[in-house]
Amino acid sequence: MMNAIDKIFSNQLGISFFWKKEEVSITPRIQLVFKDIGFLLSVNELKDFSNACTIALQTQCAACKTPTCRSLLLKTPSDKIDLAVNKEELDQIKELINETIFRVELKNWMRNLCLN
């Protein structure tokens, strides 16, 4: 399986990668996997997901002192799926998404720079 993917980023919670067969398309989708869930997303969908993480962090229950409490509801790019997560998981998800966006955009920028 590892020969079929190009890893973008990973952390304690998950991994992001391109399927090698997808990477050659004009608008490749990024596979994001965490908590036994996989999403196949565009960069714009990843940006929307990152914004959803920020909103979920802002709605965090201030009174809750339990780090494992799954009191945060995270909207996903699928309008039919939300995830119940704790603060630590949400931080890891946000890091995974943001690092993926950064690395994909940097790779695209470098590719375009070389074309000019």
PDB file of N, CA and C in Angstrom:
ATOM      1  N   MET A   1       0.816  -1.194   0.000  1.00  0.00           N
ATOM      2  CA  MET A   1       0.000   0.000   0.000  1.00  0.00           C
ATOM      3  C   MET A   1       0.862   1.262   0.000  1.00  0.00           C
ATOM      4  N   MET A   2       1.955   1.267   0.751  1.00  0.00           N
ATOM      5  CA  MET A   2       2.777   2.471   0.845  1.00  0.00           C
ATOM      6  C   MET A   2       3.342   2.861  -0.524  1.00  0.00           C
ATOM      7  N   ASN A   3       3.467   1.907  -1.461  1.00  0.00           N
ATOM      8  CA  ASN A   3       3.932   2.244  -2.807  1.00  0.00           C
ATOM      9  C   ASN A   3       2.857   2.975  -3.596  1.00  0.00           C
ATOM     10  N   ALA A   4       1.607   2.868  -3.172  1.00  0.00           N
ATOM     11  CA  ALA A   4       0.491   3.475  -3.898  1.00  0.00           C
ATOM     12  C   ALA A   4       0.207   4.908  -3.449  1.00  0.00           C
ATOM     13  N   ILE A   5       0.931   5.373  -2.417  1.00  0.00           N
ATOM     14  CA  ILE A   5       0.659   6.718  -1.892  1.00  0.00           C
ATOM     15  C   ILE A   5       1.922   7.576  -1.843  1.00  0.00           C
ATOM     16  N   ASP A   6       1.692   8.890  -1.841  1.00  0.00           N
ATOM     17  CA  ASP A   6       2.744   9.866  -1.563  1.00  0.00           C
ATOM     18  C   ASP A   6       2.329  10.613  -0.307  1.00  0.00           C
ATOM     19  N   LYS A   7       2.994  10.316   0.797  1.00  0.00           N
ATOM     20  CA  LYS A   7       2.660  10.926   2.084  1.00  0.00           C
ATOM     21  C   LYS A   7       2.906  12.422   2.038  1.00  0.00           C
ATOM     22  N   ILE A   8       1.965  13.172   2.603  1.00  0.00           N
ATOM     23  CA  ILE A   8       2.116  14.624   2.714  1.00  0.00           C
ATOM     24  C   ILE A   8       2.535  14.981   4.132  1.00  0.00           C
ATOM     25  N   PHE A   9       1.777  14.486   5.126  1.00  0.00           N
ATOM     26  CA  PHE A   9       2.055  14.825   6.526  1.00  0.00           C
ATOM     27  C   PHE A   9       1.387  13.784   7.420  1.00  0.00           C
ATOM     28  N   SER A  10       1.962  13.588   8.604  1.00  0.00           N
ATOM     29  CA  SER A  10       1.315  12.741   9.612  1.00  0.00           C
ATOM     30  C   SER A  10       1.637  13.283  10.999  1.00  0.00           C
ATOM     31  N   ASN A  11       0.746  13.007  11.931  1.00  0.00           N
ATOM     32  CA  ASN A  11       0.988  13.322  13.336  1.00  0.00           C
ATOM     33  C   ASN A  11       0.458  12.158  14.169  1.00  0.00           C
ATOM     34  N   GLN A  12       0.317  12.348  15.467  1.00  0.00           N
ATOM     35  CA  GLN A  12      -0.104  11.257  16.343  1.00  0.00           C
ATOM     36  C   GLN A  12      -1.500  10.735  16.013  1.00  0.00           C
ATOM     37  N   LEU A  13      -2.332  11.577  15.431  1.00  0.00           N
ATOM     38  CA  LEU A  13      -3.716  11.204  15.196  1.00  0.00           C
ATOM     39  C   LEU A  13      -3.983  10.654  13.798  1.00  0.00           C
ATOM     40  N   GLY A  14      -3.239  11.129  12.795  1.00  0.00           N
ATOM     41  CA  GLY A  14      -3.577  10.708  11.443  1.00  0.00           C
ATOM     42  C   GLY A  14      -2.517  10.978  10.413  1.00  0.00           C
ATOM     43  N   ILE A  15      -2.933  10.852   9.148  1.00  0.00           N
ATOM     44  CA  ILE A  15      -2.016  11.003   8.020  1.00  0.00           C
ATOM     45  C   ILE A  15      -2.774  11.632   6.852  1.00  0.00           C
ATOM     46  N   SER A  16      -2.028  12.364   6.026  1.00  0.00           N
ATOM     47  CA  SER A  16      -2.580  12.864   4.775  1.00  0.00           C
ATOM     48  C   SER A  16      -1.644  12.425   3.659  1.00  0.00           C
ATOM     49  N   PHE A  17      -2.239  12.107   2.511  1.00  0.00           N
ATOM     50  CA  PHE A  17      -1.437  11.647   1.390  1.00  0.00           C
ATOM     51  C   PHE A  17      -2.205  11.779   0.090  1.00  0.00           C
ATOM     52  N   PHE A  18      -1.446  11.708  -1.009  1.00  0.00           N
ATOM     53  CA  PHE A  18      -2.020  11.609  -2.348  1.00  0.00           C
ATOM     54  C   PHE A  18      -2.023  10.137  -2.727  1.00  0.00           C
ATOM     55  N   TRP A  19      -3.066   9.683  -3.365  1.00  0.00           N
ATOM     56  CA  TRP A  19      -3.009   8.407  -4.064  1.00  0.00           C
ATOM     57  C   TRP A  19      -2.203   8.691  -5.321  1.00  0.00           C
ATOM     58  N   LYS A  20      -1.203   7.913  -5.628  1.00  0.00           N
ATOM     59  CA  LYS A  20      -0.336   8.194  -6.778  1.00  0.00           C
ATOM     60  C   LYS A  20      -1.137   8.319  -8.062  1.00  0.00           C
ATOM     61  N   LYS A  21      -2.169   7.556  -8.223  1.00  0.00           N
ATOM     62  CA  LYS A  21      -2.985   7.651  -9.433  1.00  0.00           C
ATOM     63  C   LYS A  21      -3.760   8.963  -9.485  1.00  0.00           C
ATOM     64  N   GLU A  22      -4.056   9.566  -8.330  1.00  0.00           N
ATOM     65  CA  GLU A  22      -4.791  10.838  -8.256  1.00  0.00           C
ATOM     66  C   GLU A  22      -3.874  12.041  -8.493  1.00  0.00           C
ATOM     67  N   GLU A  23      -2.622  11.923  -8.089  1.00  0.00           N
ATOM     68  CA  GLU A  23      -1.718  13.073  -8.096  1.00  0.00           C
ATOM     69  C   GLU A  23      -1.509  13.639  -9.498  1.00  0.00           C
ATOM     70  N   VAL A  24      -1.692  12.838 -10.522  1.00  0.00           N
ATOM     71  CA  VAL A  24      -1.463  13.314 -11.878  1.00  0.00           C
ATOM     72  C   VAL A  24      -2.643  14.110 -12.430  1.00  0.00           C
ATOM     73  N   SER A  25      -3.781  14.105 -11.755  1.00  0.00           N
ATOM     74  CA  SER A  25      -4.929  14.855 -12.252  1.00  0.00           C
ATOM     75  C   SER A  25      -4.729  16.357 -12.014  1.00  0.00           C
ATOM     76  N   ILE A  26      -5.530  17.163 -12.705  1.00  0.00           N
ATOM     77  CA  ILE A  26      -5.402  18.621 -12.625  1.00  0.00           C
ATOM     78  C   ILE A  26      -5.730  19.130 -11.222  1.00  0.00           C
ATOM     79  N   THR A  27      -6.778  18.611 -10.623  1.00  0.00           N
ATOM     80  CA  THR A  27      -7.150  18.992  -9.257  1.00  0.00           C
ATOM     81  C   THR A  27      -7.127  17.749  -8.378  1.00  0.00           C
ATOM     82  N   PRO A  28      -5.940  17.349  -7.954  1.00  0.00           N
ATOM     83  CA  PRO A  28      -5.845  16.122  -7.157  1.00  0.00           C
ATOM     84  C   PRO A  28      -6.552  16.265  -5.808  1.00  0.00           C
ATOM     85  N   ARG A  29      -7.083  15.184  -5.361  1.00  0.00           N
ATOM     86  CA  ARG A  29      -7.726  15.150  -4.047  1.00  0.00           C
ATOM     87  C   ARG A  29      -6.739  14.561  -3.045  1.00  0.00           C
ATOM     88  N   ILE A  30      -6.856  15.039  -1.837  1.00  0.00           N
ATOM     89  CA  ILE A  30      -5.968  14.613  -0.762  1.00  0.00           C
ATOM     90  C   ILE A  30      -6.735  13.671   0.154  1.00  0.00           C
ATOM     91  N   GLN A  31      -6.119  12.544   0.468  1.00  0.00           N
ATOM     92  CA  GLN A  31      -6.727  11.599   1.407  1.00  0.00           C
ATOM     93  C   GLN A  31      -6.283  11.999   2.802  1.00  0.00           C
ATOM     94  N   LEU A  32      -7.255  12.245   3.674  1.00  0.00           N
ATOM     95  CA  LEU A  32      -7.005  12.614   5.063  1.00  0.00           C
ATOM     96  C   LEU A  32      -7.616  11.507   5.916  1.00  0.00           C
ATOM     97  N   VAL A  33      -6.805  10.851   6.750  1.00  0.00           N
ATOM     98  CA  VAL A  33      -7.289   9.733   7.559  1.00  0.00           C
ATOM     99  C   VAL A  33      -6.945   9.985   9.016  1.00  0.00           C
ATOM    100  N   PHE A  34      -7.971   9.943   9.865  1.00  0.00           N
ATOM    101  CA  PHE A  34      -7.767  10.023  11.308  1.00  0.00           C
ATOM    102  C   PHE A  34      -8.963   9.384  11.990  1.00  0.00           C
ATOM    103  N   LYS A  35      -8.744   8.859  13.192  1.00  0.00           N
ATOM    104  CA  LYS A  35      -9.818   8.242  13.980  1.00  0.00           C
ATOM    105  C   LYS A  35     -10.612   7.208  13.173  1.00  0.00           C
ATOM    106  N   ASP A  36      -9.934   6.402  12.368  1.00  0.00           N
ATOM    107  CA  ASP A  36     -10.582   5.369  11.556  1.00  0.00           C
ATOM    108  C   ASP A  36     -11.564   5.930  10.539  1.00  0.00           C
ATOM    109  N   ILE A  37     -11.379   7.191  10.160  1.00  0.00           N
ATOM    110  CA  ILE A  37     -12.248   7.847   9.178  1.00  0.00           C
ATOM    111  C   ILE A  37     -11.361   8.416   8.082  1.00  0.00           C
ATOM    112  N   GLY A  38     -11.793   8.261   6.847  1.00  0.00           N
ATOM    113  CA  GLY A  38     -11.047   8.810   5.724  1.00  0.00           C
ATOM    114  C   GLY A  38     -11.887   9.807   4.950  1.00  0.00           C
ATOM    115  N   PHE A  39     -11.265  10.900   4.549  1.00  0.00           N
ATOM    116  CA  PHE A  39     -11.897  11.914   3.716  1.00  0.00           C
ATOM    117  C   PHE A  39     -11.031  12.111   2.485  1.00  0.00           C
ATOM    118  N   LEU A  40     -11.646  12.184   1.316  1.00  0.00           N
ATOM    119  CA  LEU A  40     -10.941  12.475   0.081  1.00  0.00           C
ATOM    120  C   LEU A  40     -11.367  13.881  -0.327  1.00  0.00           C
ATOM    121  N   LEU A  41     -10.446  14.866  -0.138  1.00  0.00           N
ATOM    122  CA  LEU A  41     -10.817  16.282  -0.219  1.00  0.00           C
ATOM    123  C   LEU A  41      -9.926  17.085  -1.148  1.00  0.00           C
ATOM    124  N   SER A  42     -10.482  18.167  -1.659  1.00  0.00           N
ATOM    125  CA  SER A  42      -9.695  19.147  -2.411  1.00  0.00           C
ATOM    126  C   SER A  42      -9.041  20.097  -1.402  1.00  0.00           C
ATOM    127  N   VAL A  43      -8.126  20.929  -1.871  1.00  0.00           N
ATOM    128  CA  VAL A  43      -7.487  21.908  -0.992  1.00  0.00           C
ATOM    129  C   VAL A  43      -8.536  22.878  -0.433  1.00  0.00           C
ATOM    130  N   ASN A  44      -9.477  23.315  -1.263  1.00  0.00           N
ATOM    131  CA  ASN A  44     -10.524  24.229  -0.775  1.00  0.00           C
ATOM    132  C   ASN A  44     -11.388  23.572   0.299  1.00  0.00           C
ATOM    133  N   GLU A  45     -11.687  22.299   0.135  1.00  0.00           N
ATOM    134  CA  GLU A  45     -12.449  21.589   1.166  1.00  0.00           C
ATOM    135  C   GLU A  45     -11.631  21.459   2.451  1.00  0.00           C
ATOM    136  N   LEU A  46     -10.327  21.267   2.320  1.00  0.00           N
ATOM    137  CA  LEU A  46      -9.456  21.236   3.505  1.00  0.00           C
ATOM    138  C   LEU A  46      -9.476  22.584   4.215  1.00  0.00           C
ATOM    139  N   LYS A  47      -9.477  23.673   3.451  1.00  0.00           N
ATOM    140  CA  LYS A  47      -9.530  25.007   4.055  1.00  0.00           C
ATOM    141  C   LYS A  47     -10.845  25.212   4.794  1.00  0.00           C
ATOM    142  N   ASP A  48     -11.946  24.757   4.227  1.00  0.00           N
ATOM    143  CA  ASP A  48     -13.241  24.834   4.910  1.00  0.00           C
ATOM    144  C   ASP A  48     -13.228  24.001   6.189  1.00  0.00           C
ATOM    145  N   PHE A  49     -12.597  22.835   6.125  1.00  0.00           N
ATOM    146  CA  PHE A  49     -12.494  21.953   7.288  1.00  0.00           C
ATOM    147  C   PHE A  49     -11.658  22.623   8.382  1.00  0.00           C
ATOM    148  N   SER A  50     -10.587  23.295   7.986  1.00  0.00           N
ATOM    149  CA  SER A  50      -9.756  24.027   8.945  1.00  0.00           C
ATOM    150  C   SER A  50     -10.572  25.121   9.637  1.00  0.00           C
ATOM    151  N   ASN A  51     -11.377  25.833   8.854  1.00  0.00           N
ATOM    152  CA  ASN A  51     -12.250  26.863   9.439  1.00  0.00           C
ATOM    153  C   ASN A  51     -13.243  26.246  10.409  1.00  0.00           C
ATOM    154  N   ALA A  52     -13.752  25.080  10.092  1.00  0.00           N
ATOM    155  CA  ALA A  52     -14.680  24.391  10.994  1.00  0.00           C
ATOM    156  C   ALA A  52     -13.983  24.025  12.307  1.00  0.00           C
ATOM    157  N   CYS A  53     -12.695  23.683  12.237  1.00  0.00           N
ATOM    158  CA  CYS A  53     -11.921  23.396  13.456  1.00  0.00           C
ATOM    159  C   CYS A  53     -11.811  24.645  14.323  1.00  0.00           C
ATOM    160  N   THR A  54     -11.543  25.776  13.697  1.00  0.00           N
ATOM    161  CA  THR A  54     -11.427  27.049  14.422  1.00  0.00           C
ATOM    162  C   THR A  54     -12.751  27.379  15.109  1.00  0.00           C
ATOM    163  N   ILE A  55     -13.845  27.212  14.395  1.00  0.00           N
ATOM    164  CA  ILE A  55     -15.168  27.492  14.973  1.00  0.00           C
ATOM    165  C   ILE A  55     -15.447  26.552  16.135  1.00  0.00           C
ATOM    166  N   ALA A  56     -15.125  25.275  15.984  1.00  0.00           N
ATOM    167  CA  ALA A  56     -15.345  24.311  17.068  1.00  0.00           C
ATOM    168  C   ALA A  56     -14.518  24.670  18.296  1.00  0.00           C
ATOM    169  N   LEU A  57     -13.284  25.132  18.089  1.00  0.00           N
ATOM    170  CA  LEU A  57     -12.441  25.538  19.218  1.00  0.00           C
ATOM    171  C   LEU A  57     -13.028  26.752  19.937  1.00  0.00           C
ATOM    172  N   GLN A  58     -13.654  27.655  19.191  1.00  0.00           N
ATOM    173  CA  GLN A  58     -14.244  28.853  19.784  1.00  0.00           C
ATOM    174  C   GLN A  58     -15.492  28.534  20.596  1.00  0.00           C
ATOM    175  N   THR A  59     -16.136  27.423  20.284  1.00  0.00           N
ATOM    176  CA  THR A  59     -17.356  27.045  21.003  1.00  0.00           C
ATOM    177  C   THR A  59     -17.071  26.080  22.150  1.00  0.00           C
ATOM    178  N   GLN A  60     -15.792  25.910  22.450  1.00  0.00           N
ATOM    179  CA  GLN A  60     -15.377  24.996  23.508  1.00  0.00           C
ATOM    180  C   GLN A  60     -16.026  25.361  24.839  1.00  0.00           C
ATOM    181  N   CYS A  61     -16.441  24.349  25.535  1.00  0.00           N
ATOM    182  CA  CYS A  61     -17.053  24.546  26.852  1.00  0.00           C
ATOM    183  C   CYS A  61     -15.980  24.994  27.847  1.00  0.00           C
ATOM    184  N   ALA A  62     -16.068  26.211  28.318  1.00  0.00           N
ATOM    185  CA  ALA A  62     -15.060  26.764  29.240  1.00  0.00           C
ATOM    186  C   ALA A  62     -15.097  26.081  30.601  1.00  0.00           C
ATOM    187  N   ALA A  63     -16.243  25.596  30.996  1.00  0.00           N
ATOM    188  CA  ALA A  63     -16.382  24.985  32.317  1.00  0.00           C
ATOM    189  C   ALA A  63     -15.816  23.576  32.362  1.00  0.00           C
ATOM    190  N   CYS A  64     -15.664  22.951  31.200  1.00  0.00           N
ATOM    191  CA  CYS A  64     -15.215  21.561  31.160  1.00  0.00           C
ATOM    192  C   CYS A  64     -13.705  21.482  31.385  1.00  0.00           C
ATOM    193  N   LYS A  65     -13.310  20.778  32.406  1.00  0.00           N
ATOM    194  CA  LYS A  65     -11.889  20.626  32.728  1.00  0.00           C
ATOM    195  C   LYS A  65     -11.377  19.226  32.385  1.00  0.00           C
ATOM    196  N   THR A  66     -12.242  18.385  31.858  1.00  0.00           N
ATOM    197  CA  THR A  66     -11.864  17.021  31.524  1.00  0.00           C
ATOM    198  C   THR A  66     -11.307  16.977  30.106  1.00  0.00           C
ATOM    199  N   PRO A  67     -10.009  16.657  29.950  1.00  0.00           N
ATOM    200  CA  PRO A  67      -9.408  16.690  28.616  1.00  0.00           C
ATOM    201  C   PRO A  67      -9.972  15.634  27.653  1.00  0.00           C
ATOM    202  N   THR A  68     -10.553  14.572  28.185  1.00  0.00           N
ATOM    203  CA  THR A  68     -11.081  13.517  27.322  1.00  0.00           C
ATOM    204  C   THR A  68     -12.562  13.689  27.008  1.00  0.00           C
ATOM    205  N   CYS A  69     -13.163  14.736  27.498  1.00  0.00           N
ATOM    206  CA  CYS A  69     -14.577  14.999  27.250  1.00  0.00           C
ATOM    207  C   CYS A  69     -14.791  15.326  25.775  1.00  0.00           C
ATOM    208  N   ARG A  70     -15.657  14.579  25.142  1.00  0.00           N
ATOM    209  CA  ARG A  70     -15.943  14.784  23.721  1.00  0.00           C
ATOM    210  C   ARG A  70     -17.099  15.774  23.558  1.00  0.00           C
ATOM    211  N   SER A  71     -16.902  16.970  24.074  1.00  0.00           N
ATOM    212  CA  SER A  71     -17.965  17.968  24.075  1.00  0.00           C
ATOM    213  C   SER A  71     -17.950  18.875  22.843  1.00  0.00           C
ATOM    214  N   LEU A  72     -16.950  18.727  21.978  1.00  0.00           N
ATOM    215  CA  LEU A  72     -16.848  19.585  20.803  1.00  0.00           C
ATOM    216  C   LEU A  72     -17.416  18.873  19.579  1.00  0.00           C
ATOM    217  N   LEU A  73     -18.290  19.553  18.877  1.00  0.00           N
ATOM    218  CA  LEU A  73     -18.887  18.997  17.669  1.00  0.00           C
ATOM    219  C   LEU A  73     -18.203  19.637  16.464  1.00  0.00           C
ATOM    220  N   LEU A  74     -17.491  18.834  15.708  1.00  0.00           N
ATOM    221  CA  LEU A  74     -16.729  19.310  14.563  1.00  0.00           C
ATOM    222  C   LEU A  74     -17.494  19.021  13.274  1.00  0.00           C
ATOM    223  N   LYS A  75     -17.835  20.086  12.569  1.00  0.00           N
ATOM    224  CA  LYS A  75     -18.465  19.945  11.254  1.00  0.00           C
ATOM    225  C   LYS A  75     -17.412  19.429  10.283  1.00  0.00           C
ATOM    226  N   THR A  76     -17.801  18.521   9.412  1.00  0.00           N
ATOM    227  CA  THR A  76     -16.888  17.986   8.408  1.00  0.00           C
ATOM    228  C   THR A  76     -17.292  18.517   7.034  1.00  0.00           C
ATOM    229  N   PRO A  77     -16.456  18.288   6.034  1.00  0.00           N
ATOM    230  CA  PRO A  77     -16.832  18.728   4.689  1.00  0.00           C
ATOM    231  C   PRO A  77     -18.107  18.055   4.158  1.00  0.00           C
ATOM    232  N   SER A  78     -18.489  16.957   4.758  1.00  0.00           N
ATOM    233  CA  SER A  78     -19.757  16.314   4.397  1.00  0.00           C
ATOM    234  C   SER A  78     -20.851  16.912   5.271  1.00  0.00           C
ATOM    235  N   ASP A  79     -21.872  17.483   4.645  1.00  0.00           N
ATOM    236  CA  ASP A  79     -22.924  18.147   5.425  1.00  0.00           C
ATOM    237  C   ASP A  79     -23.769  17.169   6.232  1.00  0.00           C
ATOM    238  N   LYS A  80     -23.536  15.874   6.058  1.00  0.00           N
ATOM    239  CA  LYS A  80     -24.298  14.873   6.803  1.00  0.00           C
ATOM    240  C   LYS A  80     -23.504  14.238   7.942  1.00  0.00           C
ATOM    241  N   ILE A  81     -22.231  14.663   8.099  1.00  0.00           N
ATOM    242  CA  ILE A  81     -21.381  14.048   9.121  1.00  0.00           C
ATOM    243  C   ILE A  81     -20.732  15.111   9.989  1.00  0.00           C
ATOM    244  N   ASP A  82     -20.924  15.012  11.293  1.00  0.00           N
ATOM    245  CA  ASP A  82     -20.224  15.803  12.296  1.00  0.00           C
ATOM    246  C   ASP A  82     -19.508  14.819  13.217  1.00  0.00           C
ATOM    247  N   LEU A  83     -18.418  15.260  13.814  1.00  0.00           N
ATOM    248  CA  LEU A  83     -17.653  14.400  14.712  1.00  0.00           C
ATOM    249  C   LEU A  83     -17.641  14.969  16.118  1.00  0.00           C
ATOM    250  N   ALA A  84     -17.829  14.122  17.110  1.00  0.00           N
ATOM    251  CA  ALA A  84     -17.674  14.522  18.504  1.00  0.00           C
ATOM    252  C   ALA A  84     -16.219  14.266  18.875  1.00  0.00           C
ATOM    253  N   VAL A  85     -15.505  15.329  19.261  1.00  0.00           N
ATOM    254  CA  VAL A  85     -14.083  15.221  19.564  1.00  0.00           C
ATOM    255  C   VAL A  85     -13.770  15.972  20.858  1.00  0.00           C
ATOM    256  N   ASN A  86     -12.615  15.652  21.441  1.00  0.00           N
ATOM    257  CA  ASN A  86     -12.154  16.432  22.586  1.00  0.00           C
ATOM    258  C   ASN A  86     -11.148  17.469  22.097  1.00  0.00           C
ATOM    259  N   LYS A  87     -10.718  18.330  22.980  1.00  0.00           N
ATOM    260  CA  LYS A  87      -9.827  19.440  22.607  1.00  0.00           C
ATOM    261  C   LYS A  87      -8.515  18.941  22.026  1.00  0.00           C
ATOM    262  N   GLU A  88      -7.927  17.921  22.631  1.00  0.00           N
ATOM    263  CA  GLU A  88      -6.648  17.391  22.149  1.00  0.00           C
ATOM    264  C   GLU A  88      -6.798  16.818  20.736  1.00  0.00           C
ATOM    265  N   GLU A  89      -7.866  16.067  20.507  1.00  0.00           N
ATOM    266  CA  GLU A  89      -8.106  15.526  19.160  1.00  0.00           C
ATOM    267  C   GLU A  89      -8.315  16.652  18.154  1.00  0.00           C
ATOM    268  N   LEU A  90      -9.071  17.651  18.554  1.00  0.00           N
ATOM    269  CA  LEU A  90      -9.336  18.776  17.663  1.00  0.00           C
ATOM    270  C   LEU A  90      -8.040  19.511  17.306  1.00  0.00           C
ATOM    271  N   ASP A  91      -7.166  19.696  18.285  1.00  0.00           N
ATOM    272  CA  ASP A  91      -5.866  20.330  18.015  1.00  0.00           C
ATOM    273  C   ASP A  91      -5.056  19.503  17.014  1.00  0.00           C
ATOM    274  N   GLN A  92      -5.063  18.182  17.180  1.00  0.00           N
ATOM    275  CA  GLN A  92      -4.327  17.294  16.277  1.00  0.00           C
ATOM    276  C   GLN A  92      -4.928  17.303  14.867  1.00  0.00           C
ATOM    277  N   ILE A  93      -6.261  17.311  14.781  1.00  0.00           N
ATOM    278  CA  ILE A  93      -6.936  17.364  13.486  1.00  0.00           C
ATOM    279  C   ILE A  93      -6.597  18.666  12.773  1.00  0.00           C
ATOM    280  N   LYS A  94      -6.658  19.762  13.507  1.00  0.00           N
ATOM    281  CA  LYS A  94      -6.355  21.083  12.927  1.00  0.00           C
ATOM    282  C   LYS A  94      -4.900  21.133  12.443  1.00  0.00           C
ATOM    283  N   GLU A  95      -3.968  20.599  13.228  1.00  0.00           N
ATOM    284  CA  GLU A  95      -2.566  20.554  12.810  1.00  0.00           C
ATOM    285  C   GLU A  95      -2.414  19.719  11.541  1.00  0.00           C
ATOM    286  N   LEU A  96      -3.061  18.574  11.497  1.00  0.00           N
ATOM    287  CA  LEU A  96      -2.987  17.694  10.326  1.00  0.00           C
ATOM    288  C   LEU A  96      -3.509  18.407   9.077  1.00  0.00           C
ATOM    289  N   ILE A  97      -4.637  19.066   9.209  1.00  0.00           N
ATOM    290  CA  ILE A  97      -5.227  19.779   8.074  1.00  0.00           C
ATOM    291  C   ILE A  97      -4.349  20.952   7.635  1.00  0.00           C
ATOM    292  N   ASN A  98      -3.936  21.786   8.591  1.00  0.00           N
ATOM    293  CA  ASN A  98      -3.168  22.987   8.243  1.00  0.00           C
ATOM    294  C   ASN A  98      -1.791  22.665   7.662  1.00  0.00           C
ATOM    295  N   GLU A  99      -1.119  21.669   8.205  1.00  0.00           N
ATOM    296  CA  GLU A  99       0.185  21.272   7.661  1.00  0.00           C
ATOM    297  C   GLU A  99       0.021  20.693   6.262  1.00  0.00           C
ATOM    298  N   THR A 100      -1.066  19.976   6.043  1.00  0.00           N
ATOM    299  CA  THR A 100      -1.339  19.414   4.721  1.00  0.00           C
ATOM    300  C   THR A 100      -1.558  20.530   3.713  1.00  0.00           C
ATOM    301  N   ILE A 101      -2.389  21.498   4.070  1.00  0.00           N
ATOM    302  CA  ILE A 101      -2.640  22.645   3.182  1.00  0.00           C
ATOM    303  C   ILE A 101      -1.328  23.352   2.861  1.00  0.00           C
ATOM    304  N   PHE A 102      -0.539  23.634   3.885  1.00  0.00           N
ATOM    305  CA  PHE A 102       0.729  24.340   3.698  1.00  0.00           C
ATOM    306  C   PHE A 102       1.650  23.581   2.741  1.00  0.00           C
ATOM    307  N   ARG A 103       1.804  22.281   2.965  1.00  0.00           N
ATOM    308  CA  ARG A 103       2.737  21.497   2.150  1.00  0.00           C
ATOM    309  C   ARG A 103       2.256  21.343   0.704  1.00  0.00           C
ATOM    310  N   VAL A 104       0.952  21.173   0.529  1.00  0.00           N
ATOM    311  CA  VAL A 104       0.418  21.047  -0.835  1.00  0.00           C
ATOM    312  C   VAL A 104       0.569  22.365  -1.583  1.00  0.00           C
ATOM    313  N   GLU A 105       0.238  23.473  -0.912  1.00  0.00           N
ATOM    314  CA  GLU A 105       0.368  24.772  -1.571  1.00  0.00           C
ATOM    315  C   GLU A 105       1.826  25.127  -1.842  1.00  0.00           C
ATOM    316  N   LEU A 106       2.726  24.777  -0.947  1.00  0.00           N
ATOM    317  CA  LEU A 106       4.151  25.006  -1.171  1.00  0.00           C
ATOM    318  C   LEU A 106       4.643  24.197  -2.372  1.00  0.00           C
ATOM    319  N   LYS A 107       4.229  22.950  -2.451  1.00  0.00           N
ATOM    320  CA  LYS A 107       4.614  22.097  -3.580  1.00  0.00           C
ATOM    321  C   LYS A 107       4.097  22.685  -4.892  1.00  0.00           C
ATOM    322  N   ASN A 108       2.855  23.143  -4.897  1.00  0.00           N
ATOM    323  CA  ASN A 108       2.282  23.763  -6.101  1.00  0.00           C
ATOM    324  C   ASN A 108       3.015  25.049  -6.465  1.00  0.00           C
ATOM    325  N   TRP A 109       3.345  25.851  -5.467  1.00  0.00           N
ATOM    326  CA  TRP A 109       4.060  27.101  -5.696  1.00  0.00           C
ATOM    327  C   TRP A 109       5.442  26.814  -6.297  1.00  0.00           C
ATOM    328  N   MET A 110       6.131  25.841  -5.741  1.00  0.00           N
ATOM    329  CA  MET A 110       7.467  25.465  -6.251  1.00  0.00           C
ATOM    330  C   MET A 110       7.371  24.950  -7.683  1.00  0.00           C
ATOM    331  N   ARG A 111       6.357  24.146  -7.962  1.00  0.00           N
ATOM    332  CA  ARG A 111       6.161  23.605  -9.302  1.00  0.00           C
ATOM    333  C   ARG A 111       5.915  24.745 -10.299  1.00  0.00           C
ATOM    334  N   ASN A 112       5.065  25.703  -9.916  1.00  0.00           N
ATOM    335  CA  ASN A 112       4.775  26.836 -10.791  1.00  0.00           C
ATOM    336  C   ASN A 112       5.971  27.756 -10.953  1.00  0.00           C
ATOM    337  N   LEU A 113       6.773  27.912  -9.898  1.00  0.00           N
ATOM    338  CA  LEU A 113       7.975  28.740  -9.963  1.00  0.00           C
ATOM    339  C   LEU A 113       8.962  28.165 -10.973  1.00  0.00           C
ATOM    340  N   CYS A 114       9.078  26.853 -10.971  1.00  0.00           N
ATOM    341  CA  CYS A 114       9.998  26.195 -11.903  1.00  0.00           C
ATOM    342  C   CYS A 114       9.530  26.299 -13.353  1.00  0.00           C
ATOM    343  N   LEU A 115       8.215  26.431 -13.543  1.00  0.00           N
ATOM    344  CA  LEU A 115       7.681  26.576 -14.904  1.00  0.00           C
ATOM    345  C   LEU A 115       7.953  27.950 -15.481  1.00  0.00           C
ATOM    346  N   ASN A 116       8.125  28.941 -14.614  1.00  0.00           N
ATOM    347  CA  ASN A 116       8.340  30.323 -15.077  1.00  0.00           C
ATOM    348  C   ASN A 116       9.759  30.586 -15.365  1.00  0.00           C
TER     349      ASN A 116
END
